[in-house]
Amino acid sequence: VQLVESGGGLVQPGGSLRLSCAASGFPFSRYAMNWYRQPPGKGRELVGTSTSAGGNTKYADSVKGRFTISRDNAKNTVYLQMNSLTPEDTAVYYCNVVVGKNVWGQGTQVTVSS
């Protein structure tokens, strides 16, 4: 089982980024996929979840209305579209799936700064 995130970088406040997480080694379409983040000096927090069918998503209050999770089951990829970014969104962003155990990607750094 492997998760590989990409798409992070430096963006100005108010800007947008789209993160991708490519999954392999398990039947992707059957599993809920999660995005977490870890701000500097803080613990890891759940950003949002996409159900296996992709029809339902849930978000942390801090990102609701600004972030959108989508998935392409044909490409085994889940996305995190982030809009109206603020410095408080600066963090390492991780993709996660529970396949018998917690599996994490390597993370991708998102820095929001002018």
C-alpha atoms as a PDB file:
ATOM      1  CA  VAL A   1       0.000   0.000   0.000  1.00  0.00           C
ATOM      2  CA  GLN A   2       1.448   3.348  -1.014  1.00  0.00           C
ATOM      3  CA  LEU A   3       0.272   6.941  -1.005  1.00  0.00           C
ATOM      4  CA  VAL A   4       2.199   9.691  -2.763  1.00  0.00           C
ATOM      5  CA  GLU A   5       1.192  13.330  -2.343  1.00  0.00           C
ATOM      6  CA  SER A   6       2.141  16.136  -4.698  1.00  0.00           C
ATOM      7  CA  GLY A   7       1.202  19.703  -5.486  1.00  0.00           C
ATOM      8  CA  GLY A   8       2.403  21.585  -2.446  1.00  0.00           C
ATOM      9  CA  GLY A   9       4.351  24.813  -2.580  1.00  0.00           C
ATOM     10  CA  LEU A  10       4.472  28.462  -1.674  1.00  0.00           C
ATOM     11  CA  VAL A  11       1.364  30.528  -2.318  1.00  0.00           C
ATOM     12  CA  GLN A  12       0.290  34.033  -1.376  1.00  0.00           C
ATOM     13  CA  PRO A  13      -2.643  34.634   0.975  1.00  0.00           C
ATOM     14  CA  GLY A  14      -5.882  34.389  -0.940  1.00  0.00           C
ATOM     15  CA  GLY A  15      -4.372  32.025  -3.457  1.00  0.00           C
ATOM     16  CA  SER A  16      -5.196  28.451  -4.389  1.00  0.00           C
ATOM     17  CA  LEU A  17      -3.447  25.122  -4.635  1.00  0.00           C
ATOM     18  CA  ARG A  18      -4.536  21.645  -5.611  1.00  0.00           C
ATOM     19  CA  LEU A  19      -2.927  18.694  -3.911  1.00  0.00           C
ATOM     20  CA  SER A  20      -2.984  15.200  -5.374  1.00  0.00           C
ATOM     21  CA  CYS A  21      -2.570  11.841  -3.698  1.00  0.00           C
ATOM     22  CA  ALA A  22      -1.846   8.850  -5.905  1.00  0.00           C
ATOM     23  CA  ALA A  23      -2.712   5.545  -4.277  1.00  0.00           C
ATOM     24  CA  SER A  24      -1.627   2.015  -5.069  1.00  0.00           C
ATOM     25  CA  GLY A  25      -1.673  -1.447  -3.588  1.00  0.00           C
ATOM     26  CA  PHE A  26      -5.297  -1.633  -2.490  1.00  0.00           C
ATOM     27  CA  PRO A  27      -8.774  -1.402  -4.108  1.00  0.00           C
ATOM     28  CA  PHE A  28      -8.944   2.381  -4.014  1.00  0.00           C
ATOM     29  CA  SER A  29     -12.592   2.787  -4.910  1.00  0.00           C
ATOM     30  CA  ARG A  30     -13.680   0.763  -1.887  1.00  0.00           C
ATOM     31  CA  TYR A  31     -11.972   2.919   0.721  1.00  0.00           C
ATOM     32  CA  ALA A  32     -12.594   6.280   2.280  1.00  0.00           C
ATOM     33  CA  MET A  33      -9.670   8.644   1.823  1.00  0.00           C
ATOM     34  CA  ASN A  34      -8.608  11.302   4.290  1.00  0.00           C
ATOM     35  CA  TRP A  35      -6.552  14.463   4.155  1.00  0.00           C
ATOM     36  CA  TYR A  36      -4.720  15.578   7.292  1.00  0.00           C
ATOM     37  CA  ARG A  37      -2.377  18.451   7.970  1.00  0.00           C
ATOM     38  CA  GLN A  38       0.242  19.259  10.557  1.00  0.00           C
ATOM     39  CA  PRO A  39       0.993  22.947  11.125  1.00  0.00           C
ATOM     40  CA  PRO A  40       4.445  23.881  12.412  1.00  0.00           C
ATOM     41  CA  GLY A  41       4.782  22.965  16.087  1.00  0.00           C
ATOM     42  CA  LYS A  42       1.310  21.467  16.284  1.00  0.00           C
ATOM     43  CA  GLY A  43      -0.311  18.089  16.068  1.00  0.00           C
ATOM     44  CA  ARG A  44      -1.793  16.444  13.017  1.00  0.00           C
ATOM     45  CA  GLU A  45      -5.417  17.364  12.342  1.00  0.00           C
ATOM     46  CA  LEU A  46      -8.075  15.977  10.049  1.00  0.00           C
ATOM     47  CA  VAL A  47      -8.879  18.287   7.143  1.00  0.00           C
ATOM     48  CA  GLY A  48     -11.527  16.187   5.465  1.00  0.00           C
ATOM     49  CA  THR A  49     -12.713  12.822   4.245  1.00  0.00           C
ATOM     50  CA  SER A  50     -14.060  11.419   1.006  1.00  0.00           C
ATOM     51  CA  THR A  51     -16.203   8.322   1.251  1.00  0.00           C
ATOM     52  CA  SER A  52     -15.383   5.323  -0.888  1.00  0.00           C
ATOM     53  CA  ALA A  53     -18.044   6.136  -3.434  1.00  0.00           C
ATOM     54  CA  GLY A  54     -16.976   9.761  -3.444  1.00  0.00           C
ATOM     55  CA  GLY A  55     -20.495  10.945  -2.999  1.00  0.00           C
ATOM     56  CA  ASN A  56     -20.020  12.233   0.513  1.00  0.00           C
ATOM     57  CA  THR A  57     -17.350  14.468   1.927  1.00  0.00           C
ATOM     58  CA  LYS A  58     -16.796  15.906   5.371  1.00  0.00           C
ATOM     59  CA  TYR A  59     -14.607  18.825   6.347  1.00  0.00           C
ATOM     60  CA  ALA A  60     -13.120  20.413   9.404  1.00  0.00           C
ATOM     61  CA  ASP A  61     -14.867  23.633  10.333  1.00  0.00           C
ATOM     62  CA  SER A  62     -11.644  25.551   9.712  1.00  0.00           C
ATOM     63  CA  VAL A  63     -11.650  24.693   5.987  1.00  0.00           C
ATOM     64  CA  LYS A  64     -15.349  24.296   5.244  1.00  0.00           C
ATOM     65  CA  GLY A  65     -16.358  26.369   2.240  1.00  0.00           C
ATOM     66  CA  ARG A  66     -12.736  26.855   1.122  1.00  0.00           C
ATOM     67  CA  PHE A  67     -11.419  23.328   0.582  1.00  0.00           C
ATOM     68  CA  THR A  68     -12.895  20.618  -1.605  1.00  0.00           C
ATOM     69  CA  ILE A  69     -11.988  16.939  -1.721  1.00  0.00           C
ATOM     70  CA  SER A  70     -12.618  14.991  -4.884  1.00  0.00           C
ATOM     71  CA  ARG A  71     -11.487  11.656  -6.192  1.00  0.00           C
ATOM     72  CA  ASP A  72     -10.983   9.899  -9.489  1.00  0.00           C
ATOM     73  CA  ASN A  73     -11.435   6.207  -8.828  1.00  0.00           C
ATOM     74  CA  ALA A  74     -10.273   5.358 -12.348  1.00  0.00           C
ATOM     75  CA  LYS A  75      -6.927   7.018 -11.615  1.00  0.00           C
ATOM     76  CA  ASN A  76      -6.694   5.900  -7.974  1.00  0.00           C
ATOM     77  CA  THR A  77      -6.205   9.529  -7.024  1.00  0.00           C
ATOM     78  CA  VAL A  78      -7.750  11.840  -4.465  1.00  0.00           C
ATOM     79  CA  TYR A  79      -7.449  15.606  -4.653  1.00  0.00           C
ATOM     80  CA  LEU A  80      -7.607  18.488  -2.234  1.00  0.00           C
ATOM     81  CA  GLN A  81      -8.528  21.789  -3.835  1.00  0.00           C
ATOM     82  CA  MET A  82      -7.637  24.641  -1.492  1.00  0.00           C
ATOM     83  CA  ASN A  83      -8.947  28.136  -2.119  1.00  0.00           C
ATOM     84  CA  SER A  84      -8.760  31.408  -0.202  1.00  0.00           C
ATOM     85  CA  LEU A  85      -5.658  30.226   1.574  1.00  0.00           C
ATOM     86  CA  THR A  86      -4.472  31.989   4.700  1.00  0.00           C
ATOM     87  CA  PRO A  87      -1.192  31.769   6.631  1.00  0.00           C
ATOM     88  CA  GLU A  88      -3.032  29.552   9.124  1.00  0.00           C
ATOM     89  CA  ASP A  89      -3.269  26.912   6.394  1.00  0.00           C
ATOM     90  CA  THR A  90       0.516  26.557   6.363  1.00  0.00           C
ATOM     91  CA  ALA A  91       1.245  22.927   7.160  1.00  0.00           C
ATOM     92  CA  VAL A  92       2.485  19.628   5.863  1.00  0.00           C
ATOM     93  CA  TYR A  93      -0.484  17.951   4.218  1.00  0.00           C
ATOM     94  CA  TYR A  94      -0.864  14.189   4.342  1.00  0.00           C
ATOM     95  CA  CYS A  95      -3.039  11.711   2.550  1.00  0.00           C
ATOM     96  CA  ASN A  96      -4.315   8.819   4.678  1.00  0.00           C
ATOM     97  CA  VAL A  97      -6.199   5.581   4.308  1.00  0.00           C
ATOM     98  CA  VAL A  98      -7.060   2.902   6.835  1.00  0.00           C
ATOM     99  CA  VAL A  99      -6.417  -0.436   5.188  1.00  0.00           C
ATOM    100  CA  GLY A 100      -6.291  -2.695   8.186  1.00  0.00           C
ATOM    101  CA  LYS A 101      -3.885  -0.143   9.586  1.00  0.00           C
ATOM    102  CA  ASN A 102      -3.233   3.560   9.159  1.00  0.00           C
ATOM    103  CA  VAL A 103      -1.256   4.273   6.008  1.00  0.00           C
ATOM    104  CA  TRP A 104       0.257   7.703   5.384  1.00  0.00           C
ATOM    105  CA  GLY A 105       1.903   9.387   2.474  1.00  0.00           C
ATOM    106  CA  GLN A 106       5.178  11.243   2.839  1.00  0.00           C
ATOM    107  CA  GLY A 107       3.428  14.598   3.047  1.00  0.00           C
ATOM    108  CA  THR A 108       3.657  17.740   0.973  1.00  0.00           C
ATOM    109  CA  GLN A 109       4.516  21.177   2.334  1.00  0.00           C
ATOM    110  CA  VAL A 110       2.079  24.034   1.832  1.00  0.00           C
ATOM    111  CA  THR A 111       3.309  27.481   2.816  1.00  0.00           C
ATOM    112  CA  VAL A 112       0.989  30.474   2.648  1.00  0.00           C
ATOM    113  CA  SER A 113       2.956  33.673   2.891  1.00  0.00           C
ATOM    114  CA  SER A 114       3.367  37.018   1.201  1.00  0.00           C
END
